[in-house]
Amino acid sequence: MADETSDGSVRLDVWLWRARFYKTRKLSAEQITKRGVRISRNAQVRRTNKPGTTITVGDVVTFGKSVHIRSVEVLAIGERRGPSDEAKGLYRDWEDDL
């Protein structure tokens, strides 16, 4: 698939869509472009507004979802947009640990 790379990374917009944070990939890309996303990797934080930014397992993604801010750790890249139970296995919500 063109959205995944051989090093185990995937486009940010694709991953947010697969993890079911957005109903369509287009909505995911629009939200990233408009509001931006923070990605934490190896204790380094960067902000991006580019849907094509790649993420890997272990990254922490922080983004706005309606009026809430979500921070999730990427546990798996996933291969498709599957059912809700499968999507929940792609991430660990940091809110659950509070």
PDB file of N, CA and C in Angstrom:
ATOM      1  N   MET A   1       0.846  -1.181   0.000  1.00  0.00           N
ATOM      2  CA  MET A   1       0.000   0.000   0.000  1.00  0.00           C
ATOM      3  C   MET A   1       0.886   1.237   0.000  1.00  0.00           C
ATOM      4  N   ALA A   2       0.490   2.271  -0.709  1.00  0.00           N
ATOM      5  CA  ALA A   2       1.305   3.469  -0.865  1.00  0.00           C
ATOM      6  C   ALA A   2       1.385   4.307   0.402  1.00  0.00           C
ATOM      7  N   ASP A   3       0.470   4.095   1.347  1.00  0.00           N
ATOM      8  CA  ASP A   3       0.437   4.898   2.563  1.00  0.00           C
ATOM      9  C   ASP A   3       1.425   4.424   3.612  1.00  0.00           C
ATOM     10  N   GLU A   4       1.961   3.231   3.427  1.00  0.00           N
ATOM     11  CA  GLU A   4       2.901   2.667   4.391  1.00  0.00           C
ATOM     12  C   GLU A   4       4.283   2.604   3.766  1.00  0.00           C
ATOM     13  N   THR A   5       5.296   2.689   4.623  1.00  0.00           N
ATOM     14  CA  THR A   5       6.661   2.587   4.136  1.00  0.00           C
ATOM     15  C   THR A   5       7.270   1.287   4.628  1.00  0.00           C
ATOM     16  N   SER A   6       8.392   0.917   4.074  1.00  0.00           N
ATOM     17  CA  SER A   6       9.032  -0.343   4.434  1.00  0.00           C
ATOM     18  C   SER A   6       9.619  -0.320   5.848  1.00  0.00           C
ATOM     19  N   ASP A   7       9.787   0.867   6.426  1.00  0.00           N
ATOM     20  CA  ASP A   7      10.369   0.953   7.764  1.00  0.00           C
ATOM     21  C   ASP A   7       9.321   0.888   8.877  1.00  0.00           C
ATOM     22  N   GLY A   8       8.074   0.571   8.539  1.00  0.00           N
ATOM     23  CA  GLY A   8       7.045   0.421   9.565  1.00  0.00           C
ATOM     24  C   GLY A   8       6.395   1.718   9.987  1.00  0.00           C
ATOM     25  N   SER A   9       6.433   2.712   9.130  1.00  0.00           N
ATOM     26  CA  SER A   9       5.770   3.968   9.445  1.00  0.00           C
ATOM     27  C   SER A   9       4.569   4.141   8.516  1.00  0.00           C
ATOM     28  N   VAL A  10       3.713   5.087   8.861  1.00  0.00           N
ATOM     29  CA  VAL A  10       2.510   5.340   8.065  1.00  0.00           C
ATOM     30  C   VAL A  10       2.199   6.832   8.122  1.00  0.00           C
ATOM     31  N   ARG A  11       1.480   7.318   7.124  1.00  0.00           N
ATOM     32  CA  ARG A  11       1.063   8.719   7.110  1.00  0.00           C
ATOM     33  C   ARG A  11       0.161   8.997   8.306  1.00  0.00           C
ATOM     34  N   LEU A  12       0.310  10.175   8.873  1.00  0.00           N
ATOM     35  CA  LEU A  12      -0.475  10.586  10.031  1.00  0.00           C
ATOM     36  C   LEU A  12      -1.970  10.579   9.737  1.00  0.00           C
ATOM     37  N   ASP A  13      -2.382  11.136   8.605  1.00  0.00           N
ATOM     38  CA  ASP A  13      -3.814  11.177   8.293  1.00  0.00           C
ATOM     39  C   ASP A  13      -4.405   9.789   8.139  1.00  0.00           C
ATOM     40  N   VAL A  14      -3.655   8.879   7.563  1.00  0.00           N
ATOM     41  CA  VAL A  14      -4.120   7.495   7.401  1.00  0.00           C
ATOM     42  C   VAL A  14      -4.265   6.824   8.764  1.00  0.00           C
ATOM     43  N   TRP A  15      -3.287   7.009   9.629  1.00  0.00           N
ATOM     44  CA  TRP A  15      -3.349   6.360  10.942  1.00  0.00           C
ATOM     45  C   TRP A  15      -4.518   6.881  11.766  1.00  0.00           C
ATOM     46  N   LEU A  16      -4.734   8.195  11.791  1.00  0.00           N
ATOM     47  CA  LEU A  16      -5.865   8.749  12.545  1.00  0.00           C
ATOM     48  C   LEU A  16      -7.197   8.236  12.007  1.00  0.00           C
ATOM     49  N   TRP A  17      -7.280   8.022  10.709  1.00  0.00           N
ATOM     50  CA  TRP A  17      -8.488   7.465  10.101  1.00  0.00           C
ATOM     51  C   TRP A  17      -8.642   5.992  10.471  1.00  0.00           C
ATOM     52  N   ARG A  18      -7.565   5.216  10.366  1.00  0.00           N
ATOM     53  CA  ARG A  18      -7.615   3.795  10.727  1.00  0.00           C
ATOM     54  C   ARG A  18      -7.979   3.593  12.193  1.00  0.00           C
ATOM     55  N   ALA A  19      -7.484   4.474  13.044  1.00  0.00           N
ATOM     56  CA  ALA A  19      -7.764   4.371  14.482  1.00  0.00           C
ATOM     57  C   ALA A  19      -9.160   4.902  14.818  1.00  0.00           C
ATOM     58  N   ARG A  20      -9.893   5.325  13.808  1.00  0.00           N
ATOM     59  CA  ARG A  20     -11.289   5.761  13.934  1.00  0.00           C
ATOM     60  C   ARG A  20     -11.480   7.043  14.732  1.00  0.00           C
ATOM     61  N   PHE A  21     -10.518   7.940  14.670  1.00  0.00           N
ATOM     62  CA  PHE A  21     -10.700   9.252  15.274  1.00  0.00           C
ATOM     63  C   PHE A  21     -11.498  10.160  14.340  1.00  0.00           C
ATOM     64  N   TYR A  22     -11.465   9.860  13.039  1.00  0.00           N
ATOM     65  CA  TYR A  22     -12.204  10.621  12.039  1.00  0.00           C
ATOM     66  C   TYR A  22     -12.906   9.654  11.094  1.00  0.00           C
ATOM     67  N   LYS A  23     -14.092  10.041  10.605  1.00  0.00           N
ATOM     68  CA  LYS A  23     -14.900   9.160   9.757  1.00  0.00           C
ATOM     69  C   LYS A  23     -14.291   8.942   8.378  1.00  0.00           C
ATOM     70  N   THR A  24     -13.610   9.953   7.866  1.00  0.00           N
ATOM     71  CA  THR A  24     -12.998   9.814   6.546  1.00  0.00           C
ATOM     72  C   THR A  24     -11.538  10.274   6.613  1.00  0.00           C
ATOM     73  N   ARG A  25     -10.776   9.799   5.657  1.00  0.00           N
ATOM     74  CA  ARG A  25      -9.374  10.216   5.580  1.00  0.00           C
ATOM     75  C   ARG A  25      -9.298  11.695   5.226  1.00  0.00           C
ATOM     76  N   LYS A  26     -10.224  12.169   4.418  1.00  0.00           N
ATOM     77  CA  LYS A  26     -10.254  13.582   4.047  1.00  0.00           C
ATOM     78  C   LYS A  26     -10.469  14.459   5.282  1.00  0.00           C
ATOM     79  N   LEU A  27     -11.395  14.089   6.161  1.00  0.00           N
ATOM     80  CA  LEU A  27     -11.612  14.844   7.396  1.00  0.00           C
ATOM     81  C   LEU A  27     -10.364  14.837   8.264  1.00  0.00           C
ATOM     82  N   SER A  28      -9.708  13.699   8.330  1.00  0.00           N
ATOM     83  CA  SER A  28      -8.471  13.589   9.103  1.00  0.00           C
ATOM     84  C   SER A  28      -7.426  14.562   8.568  1.00  0.00           C
ATOM     85  N   ALA A  29      -7.239  14.572   7.263  1.00  0.00           N
ATOM     86  CA  ALA A  29      -6.248  15.454   6.638  1.00  0.00           C
ATOM     87  C   ALA A  29      -6.609  16.919   6.845  1.00  0.00           C
ATOM     88  N   GLU A  30      -7.892  17.254   6.728  1.00  0.00           N
ATOM     89  CA  GLU A  30      -8.323  18.638   6.924  1.00  0.00           C
ATOM     90  C   GLU A  30      -8.058  19.108   8.348  1.00  0.00           C
ATOM     91  N   GLN A  31      -8.337  18.264   9.326  1.00  0.00           N
ATOM     92  CA  GLN A  31      -8.119  18.643  10.717  1.00  0.00           C
ATOM     93  C   GLN A  31      -6.631  18.837  11.013  1.00  0.00           C
ATOM     94  N   ILE A  32      -5.799  17.986  10.459  1.00  0.00           N
ATOM     95  CA  ILE A  32      -4.353  18.126  10.651  1.00  0.00           C
ATOM     96  C   ILE A  32      -3.892  19.456  10.050  1.00  0.00           C
ATOM     97  N   THR A  33      -4.354  19.764   8.863  1.00  0.00           N
ATOM     98  CA  THR A  33      -3.959  20.995   8.177  1.00  0.00           C
ATOM     99  C   THR A  33      -4.435  22.235   8.932  1.00  0.00           C
ATOM    100  N   LYS A  34      -5.677  22.227   9.383  1.00  0.00           N
ATOM    101  CA  LYS A  34      -6.264  23.400  10.048  1.00  0.00           C
ATOM    102  C   LYS A  34      -5.758  23.600  11.473  1.00  0.00           C
ATOM    103  N   ARG A  35      -5.710  22.526  12.253  1.00  0.00           N
ATOM    104  CA  ARG A  35      -5.433  22.660  13.684  1.00  0.00           C
ATOM    105  C   ARG A  35      -4.034  22.219  14.085  1.00  0.00           C
ATOM    106  N   GLY A  36      -3.396  21.405  13.275  1.00  0.00           N
ATOM    107  CA  GLY A  36      -2.064  20.920  13.612  1.00  0.00           C
ATOM    108  C   GLY A  36      -2.100  19.769  14.603  1.00  0.00           C
ATOM    109  N   VAL A  37      -0.984  19.074  14.688  1.00  0.00           N
ATOM    110  CA  VAL A  37      -0.823  17.914  15.560  1.00  0.00           C
ATOM    111  C   VAL A  37       0.575  17.967  16.152  1.00  0.00           C
ATOM    112  N   ARG A  38       0.700  17.533  17.420  1.00  0.00           N
ATOM    113  CA  ARG A  38       2.022  17.384  18.046  1.00  0.00           C
ATOM    114  C   ARG A  38       2.387  15.912  18.032  1.00  0.00           C
ATOM    115  N   ILE A  39       3.630  15.644  17.679  1.00  0.00           N
ATOM    116  CA  ILE A  39       4.143  14.271  17.677  1.00  0.00           C
ATOM    117  C   ILE A  39       5.365  14.238  18.576  1.00  0.00           C
ATOM    118  N   SER A  40       5.337  13.351  19.564  1.00  0.00           N
ATOM    119  CA  SER A  40       6.473  13.173  20.471  1.00  0.00           C
ATOM    120  C   SER A  40       7.154  11.857  20.129  1.00  0.00           C
ATOM    121  N   ARG A  41       8.458  11.941  19.888  1.00  0.00           N
ATOM    122  CA  ARG A  41       9.243  10.744  19.563  1.00  0.00           C
ATOM    123  C   ARG A  41      10.603  10.880  20.229  1.00  0.00           C
ATOM    124  N   ASN A  42      10.979   9.906  21.028  1.00  0.00           N
ATOM    125  CA  ASN A  42      12.285   9.907  21.696  1.00  0.00           C
ATOM    126  C   ASN A  42      12.530  11.209  22.456  1.00  0.00           C
ATOM    127  N   ALA A  43      11.546  11.643  23.222  1.00  0.00           N
ATOM    128  CA  ALA A  43      11.629  12.852  24.061  1.00  0.00           C
ATOM    129  C   ALA A  43      11.769  14.136  23.253  1.00  0.00           C
ATOM    130  N   GLN A  44      11.520  14.086  21.950  1.00  0.00           N
ATOM    131  CA  GLN A  44      11.519  15.289  21.129  1.00  0.00           C
ATOM    132  C   GLN A  44      10.102  15.518  20.631  1.00  0.00           C
ATOM    133  N   VAL A  45       9.643  16.753  20.748  1.00  0.00           N
ATOM    134  CA  VAL A  45       8.284  17.100  20.343  1.00  0.00           C
ATOM    135  C   VAL A  45       8.356  18.014  19.125  1.00  0.00           C
ATOM    136  N   ARG A  46       7.515  17.714  18.155  1.00  0.00           N
ATOM    137  CA  ARG A  46       7.426  18.598  16.997  1.00  0.00           C
ATOM    138  C   ARG A  46       5.961  18.785  16.629  1.00  0.00           C
ATOM    139  N   ARG A  47       5.680  19.919  16.060  1.00  0.00           N
ATOM    140  CA  ARG A  47       4.324  20.244  15.633  1.00  0.00           C
ATOM    141  C   ARG A  47       4.286  20.176  14.121  1.00  0.00           C
ATOM    142  N   THR A  48       3.199  19.639  13.585  1.00  0.00           N
ATOM    143  CA  THR A  48       3.059  19.560  12.139  1.00  0.00           C
ATOM    144  C   THR A  48       1.626  19.873  11.727  1.00  0.00           C
ATOM    145  N   ASN A  49       1.497  20.382  10.532  1.00  0.00           N
ATOM    146  CA  ASN A  49       0.176  20.553   9.942  1.00  0.00           C
ATOM    147  C   ASN A  49       0.140  19.879   8.571  1.00  0.00           C
ATOM    148  N   LYS A  50       1.022  18.896   8.402  1.00  0.00           N
ATOM    149  CA  LYS A  50       1.120  18.167   7.138  1.00  0.00           C
ATOM    150  C   LYS A  50       0.576  16.753   7.309  1.00  0.00           C
ATOM    151  N   PRO A  51      -0.515  16.429   6.613  1.00  0.00           N
ATOM    152  CA  PRO A  51      -1.115  15.095   6.731  1.00  0.00           C
ATOM    153  C   PRO A  51      -0.165  13.964   6.348  1.00  0.00           C
ATOM    154  N   GLY A  52       0.808  14.231   5.489  1.00  0.00           N
ATOM    155  CA  GLY A  52       1.732  13.203   5.030  1.00  0.00           C
ATOM    156  C   GLY A  52       2.889  12.919   5.975  1.00  0.00           C
ATOM    157  N   THR A  53       2.927  13.577   7.118  1.00  0.00           N
ATOM    158  CA  THR A  53       3.967  13.328   8.106  1.00  0.00           C
ATOM    159  C   THR A  53       3.887  11.864   8.547  1.00  0.00           C
ATOM    160  N   THR A  54       5.034  11.203   8.641  1.00  0.00           N
ATOM    161  CA  THR A  54       5.007   9.783   9.018  1.00  0.00           C
ATOM    162  C   THR A  54       5.124   9.617  10.529  1.00  0.00           C
ATOM    163  N   ILE A  55       4.432   8.600  11.021  1.00  0.00           N
ATOM    164  CA  ILE A  55       4.507   8.247  12.430  1.00  0.00           C
ATOM    165  C   ILE A  55       4.850   6.766  12.532  1.00  0.00           C
ATOM    166  N   THR A  56       5.396   6.376  13.677  1.00  0.00           N
ATOM    167  CA  THR A  56       5.772   4.985  13.909  1.00  0.00           C
ATOM    168  C   THR A  56       5.272   4.548  15.285  1.00  0.00           C
ATOM    169  N   VAL A  57       5.370   3.260  15.530  1.00  0.00           N
ATOM    170  CA  VAL A  57       4.994   2.705  16.830  1.00  0.00           C
ATOM    171  C   VAL A  57       5.852   3.360  17.908  1.00  0.00           C
ATOM    172  N   GLY A  58       5.219   3.769  19.002  1.00  0.00           N
ATOM    173  CA  GLY A  58       5.913   4.421  20.100  1.00  0.00           C
ATOM    174  C   GLY A  58       5.747   5.928  20.121  1.00  0.00           C
ATOM    175  N   ASP A  59       5.330   6.504  18.995  1.00  0.00           N
ATOM    176  CA  ASP A  59       5.085   7.945  18.954  1.00  0.00           C
ATOM    177  C   ASP A  59       3.870   8.292  19.812  1.00  0.00           C
ATOM    178  N   VAL A  60       3.877   9.490  20.365  1.00  0.00           N
ATOM    179  CA  VAL A  60       2.709  10.013  21.071  1.00  0.00           C
ATOM    180  C   VAL A  60       2.142  11.137  20.212  1.00  0.00           C
ATOM    181  N   VAL A  61       0.877  10.991  19.855  1.00  0.00           N
ATOM    182  CA  VAL A  61       0.215  11.940  18.970  1.00  0.00           C
ATOM    183  C   VAL A  61      -0.799  12.729  19.799  1.00  0.00           C
ATOM    184  N   THR A  62      -0.705  14.049  19.757  1.00  0.00           N
ATOM    185  CA  THR A  62      -1.620  14.931  20.486  1.00  0.00           C
ATOM    186  C   THR A  62      -2.336  15.802  19.467  1.00  0.00           C
ATOM    187  N   PHE A  63      -3.668  15.773  19.508  1.00  0.00           N
ATOM    188  CA  PHE A  63      -4.463  16.483  18.510  1.00  0.00           C
ATOM    189  C   PHE A  63      -5.799  16.915  19.099  1.00  0.00           C
ATOM    190  N   GLY A  64      -6.407  17.893  18.469  1.00  0.00           N
ATOM    191  CA  GLY A  64      -7.720  18.367  18.889  1.00  0.00           C
ATOM    192  C   GLY A  64      -8.810  17.544  18.242  1.00  0.00           C
ATOM    193  N   LYS A  65      -9.806  17.189  19.036  1.00  0.00           N
ATOM    194  CA  LYS A  65     -10.973  16.459  18.537  1.00  0.00           C
ATOM    195  C   LYS A  65     -12.184  17.138  19.137  1.00  0.00           C
ATOM    196  N   SER A  66     -12.922  17.879  18.352  1.00  0.00           N
ATOM    197  CA  SER A  66     -14.007  18.776  18.770  1.00  0.00           C
ATOM    198  C   SER A  66     -13.445  19.746  19.811  1.00  0.00           C
ATOM    199  N   VAL A  67     -13.950  19.744  21.021  1.00  0.00           N
ATOM    200  CA  VAL A  67     -13.448  20.687  22.032  1.00  0.00           C
ATOM    201  C   VAL A  67     -12.418  20.044  22.954  1.00  0.00           C
ATOM    202  N   HIS A  68     -12.059  18.802  22.706  1.00  0.00           N
ATOM    203  CA  HIS A  68     -11.130  18.065  23.562  1.00  0.00           C
ATOM    204  C   HIS A  68      -9.754  17.940  22.917  1.00  0.00           C
ATOM    205  N   ILE A  69      -8.757  17.791  23.755  1.00  0.00           N
ATOM    206  CA  ILE A  69      -7.400  17.497  23.305  1.00  0.00           C
ATOM    207  C   ILE A  69      -7.136  16.033  23.629  1.00  0.00           C
ATOM    208  N   ARG A  70      -6.717  15.260  22.631  1.00  0.00           N
ATOM    209  CA  ARG A  70      -6.434  13.840  22.829  1.00  0.00           C
ATOM    210  C   ARG A  70      -4.940  13.608  22.730  1.00  0.00           C
ATOM    211  N   SER A  71      -4.410  12.782  23.615  1.00  0.00           N
ATOM    212  CA  SER A  71      -3.026  12.321  23.537  1.00  0.00           C
ATOM    213  C   SER A  71      -3.061  10.804  23.560  1.00  0.00           C
ATOM    214  N   VAL A  72      -2.531  10.208  22.501  1.00  0.00           N
ATOM    215  CA  VAL A  72      -2.531   8.754  22.385  1.00  0.00           C
ATOM    216  C   VAL A  72      -1.145   8.264  21.971  1.00  0.00           C
ATOM    217  N   GLU A  73      -0.782   7.110  22.491  1.00  0.00           N
ATOM    218  CA  GLU A  73       0.472   6.472  22.101  1.00  0.00           C
ATOM    219  C   GLU A  73       0.174   5.468  21.004  1.00  0.00           C
ATOM    220  N   VAL A  74       0.951   5.495  19.946  1.00  0.00           N
ATOM    221  CA  VAL A  74       0.773   4.579  18.821  1.00  0.00           C
ATOM    222  C   VAL A  74       1.325   3.201  19.221  1.00  0.00           C
ATOM    223  N   LEU A  75       0.440   2.197  19.279  1.00  0.00           N
ATOM    224  CA  LEU A  75       0.842   0.831  19.628  1.00  0.00           C
ATOM    225  C   LEU A  75       1.030  -0.041  18.393  1.00  0.00           C
ATOM    226  N   ALA A  76       0.323   0.285  17.323  1.00  0.00           N
ATOM    227  CA  ALA A  76       0.420  -0.474  16.077  1.00  0.00           C
ATOM    228  C   ALA A  76       0.034   0.431  14.920  1.00  0.00           C
ATOM    229  N   ILE A  77       0.525   0.107  13.739  1.00  0.00           N
ATOM    230  CA  ILE A  77       0.232   0.885  12.551  1.00  0.00           C
ATOM    231  C   ILE A  77      -1.115   0.470  11.965  1.00  0.00           C
ATOM    232  N   GLY A  78      -1.422  -0.806  11.998  1.00  0.00           N
ATOM    233  CA  GLY A  78      -2.659  -1.308  11.406  1.00  0.00           C
ATOM    234  C   GLY A  78      -2.497  -1.492   9.911  1.00  0.00           C
ATOM    235  N   GLU A  79      -3.356  -2.308   9.342  1.00  0.00           N
ATOM    236  CA  GLU A  79      -3.292  -2.566   7.913  1.00  0.00           C
ATOM    237  C   GLU A  79      -4.523  -2.057   7.185  1.00  0.00           C
ATOM    238  N   ARG A  80      -5.573  -1.743   7.964  1.00  0.00           N
ATOM    239  CA  ARG A  80      -6.821  -1.318   7.350  1.00  0.00           C
ATOM    240  C   ARG A  80      -7.641  -0.547   8.374  1.00  0.00           C
ATOM    241  N   ARG A  81      -8.742   0.013   7.925  1.00  0.00           N
ATOM    242  CA  ARG A  81      -9.698   0.627   8.843  1.00  0.00           C
ATOM    243  C   ARG A  81     -10.694  -0.472   9.191  1.00  0.00           C
ATOM    244  N   GLY A  82     -10.503  -1.076  10.330  1.00  0.00           N
ATOM    245  CA  GLY A  82     -11.343  -2.190  10.730  1.00  0.00           C
ATOM    246  C   GLY A  82     -12.407  -1.781  11.722  1.00  0.00           C
ATOM    247  N   PRO A  83     -13.007  -2.768  12.365  1.00  0.00           N
ATOM    248  CA  PRO A  83     -14.036  -2.479  13.365  1.00  0.00           C
ATOM    249  C   PRO A  83     -13.456  -1.749  14.575  1.00  0.00           C
ATOM    250  N   SER A  84     -14.330  -1.197  15.375  1.00  0.00           N
ATOM    251  CA  SER A  84     -13.938  -0.386  16.525  1.00  0.00           C
ATOM    252  C   SER A  84     -12.977  -1.114  17.466  1.00  0.00           C
ATOM    253  N   ASP A  85     -13.259  -2.371  17.760  1.00  0.00           N
ATOM    254  CA  ASP A  85     -12.388  -3.135  18.663  1.00  0.00           C
ATOM    255  C   ASP A  85     -10.974  -3.264  18.103  1.00  0.00           C
ATOM    256  N   GLU A  86     -10.874  -3.479  16.813  1.00  0.00           N
ATOM    257  CA  GLU A  86      -9.562  -3.569  16.164  1.00  0.00           C
ATOM    258  C   GLU A  86      -8.859  -2.214  16.205  1.00  0.00           C
ATOM    259  N   ALA A  87      -9.597  -1.145  15.968  1.00  0.00           N
ATOM    260  CA  ALA A  87      -9.024   0.206  15.969  1.00  0.00           C
ATOM    261  C   ALA A  87      -8.490   0.574  17.348  1.00  0.00           C
ATOM    262  N   LYS A  88      -9.185   0.182  18.403  1.00  0.00           N
ATOM    263  CA  LYS A  88      -8.742   0.498  19.759  1.00  0.00           C
ATOM    264  C   LYS A  88      -7.413  -0.167  20.099  1.00  0.00           C
ATOM    265  N   GLY A  89      -7.047  -1.210  19.395  1.00  0.00           N
ATOM    266  CA  GLY A  89      -5.770  -1.881  19.603  1.00  0.00           C
ATOM    267  C   GLY A  89      -4.597  -1.138  18.981  1.00  0.00           C
ATOM    268  N   LEU A  90      -4.884  -0.098  18.209  1.00  0.00           N
ATOM    269  CA  LEU A  90      -3.818   0.665  17.557  1.00  0.00           C
ATOM    270  C   LEU A  90      -3.201   1.713  18.467  1.00  0.00           C
ATOM    271  N   TYR A  91      -3.865   2.024  19.593  1.00  0.00           N
ATOM    272  CA  TYR A  91      -3.377   3.102  20.445  1.00  0.00           C
ATOM    273  C   TYR A  91      -3.704   2.868  21.912  1.00  0.00           C
ATOM    274  N   ARG A  92      -2.995   3.612  22.759  1.00  0.00           N
ATOM    275  CA  ARG A  92      -3.287   3.652  24.195  1.00  0.00           C
ATOM    276  C   ARG A  92      -3.589   5.103  24.510  1.00  0.00           C
ATOM    277  N   ASP A  93      -4.771   5.344  25.032  1.00  0.00           N
ATOM    278  CA  ASP A  93      -5.207   6.697  25.364  1.00  0.00           C
ATOM    279  C   ASP A  93      -4.581   7.101  26.689  1.00  0.00           C
ATOM    280  N   TRP A  94      -3.868   8.198  26.709  1.00  0.00           N
ATOM    281  CA  TRP A  94      -3.203   8.646  27.917  1.00  0.00           C
ATOM    282  C   TRP A  94      -4.190   9.137  28.957  1.00  0.00           C
ATOM    283  N   GLU A  95      -5.395   9.502  28.553  1.00  0.00           N
ATOM    284  CA  GLU A  95      -6.426   9.920  29.508  1.00  0.00           C
ATOM    285  C   GLU A  95      -6.814   8.772  30.438  1.00  0.00           C
ATOM    286  N   ASP A  96      -6.740   7.539  29.939  1.00  0.00           N
ATOM    287  CA  ASP A  96      -7.090   6.369  30.738  1.00  0.00           C
ATOM    288  C   ASP A  96      -6.141   6.176  31.912  1.00  0.00           C
ATOM    289  N   ASP A  97      -4.918   6.705  31.788  1.00  0.00           N
ATOM    290  CA  ASP A  97      -3.899   6.522  32.845  1.00  0.00           C
ATOM    291  C   ASP A  97      -3.968   7.576  33.938  1.00  0.00           C
ATOM    292  N   LEU A  98      -4.788   8.595  33.741  1.00  0.00           N
ATOM    293  CA  LEU A  98      -4.864   9.671  34.724  1.00  0.00           C
ATOM    294  C   LEU A  98      -5.723   9.290  35.909  1.00  0.00           C
TER     295      LEU A  98
END
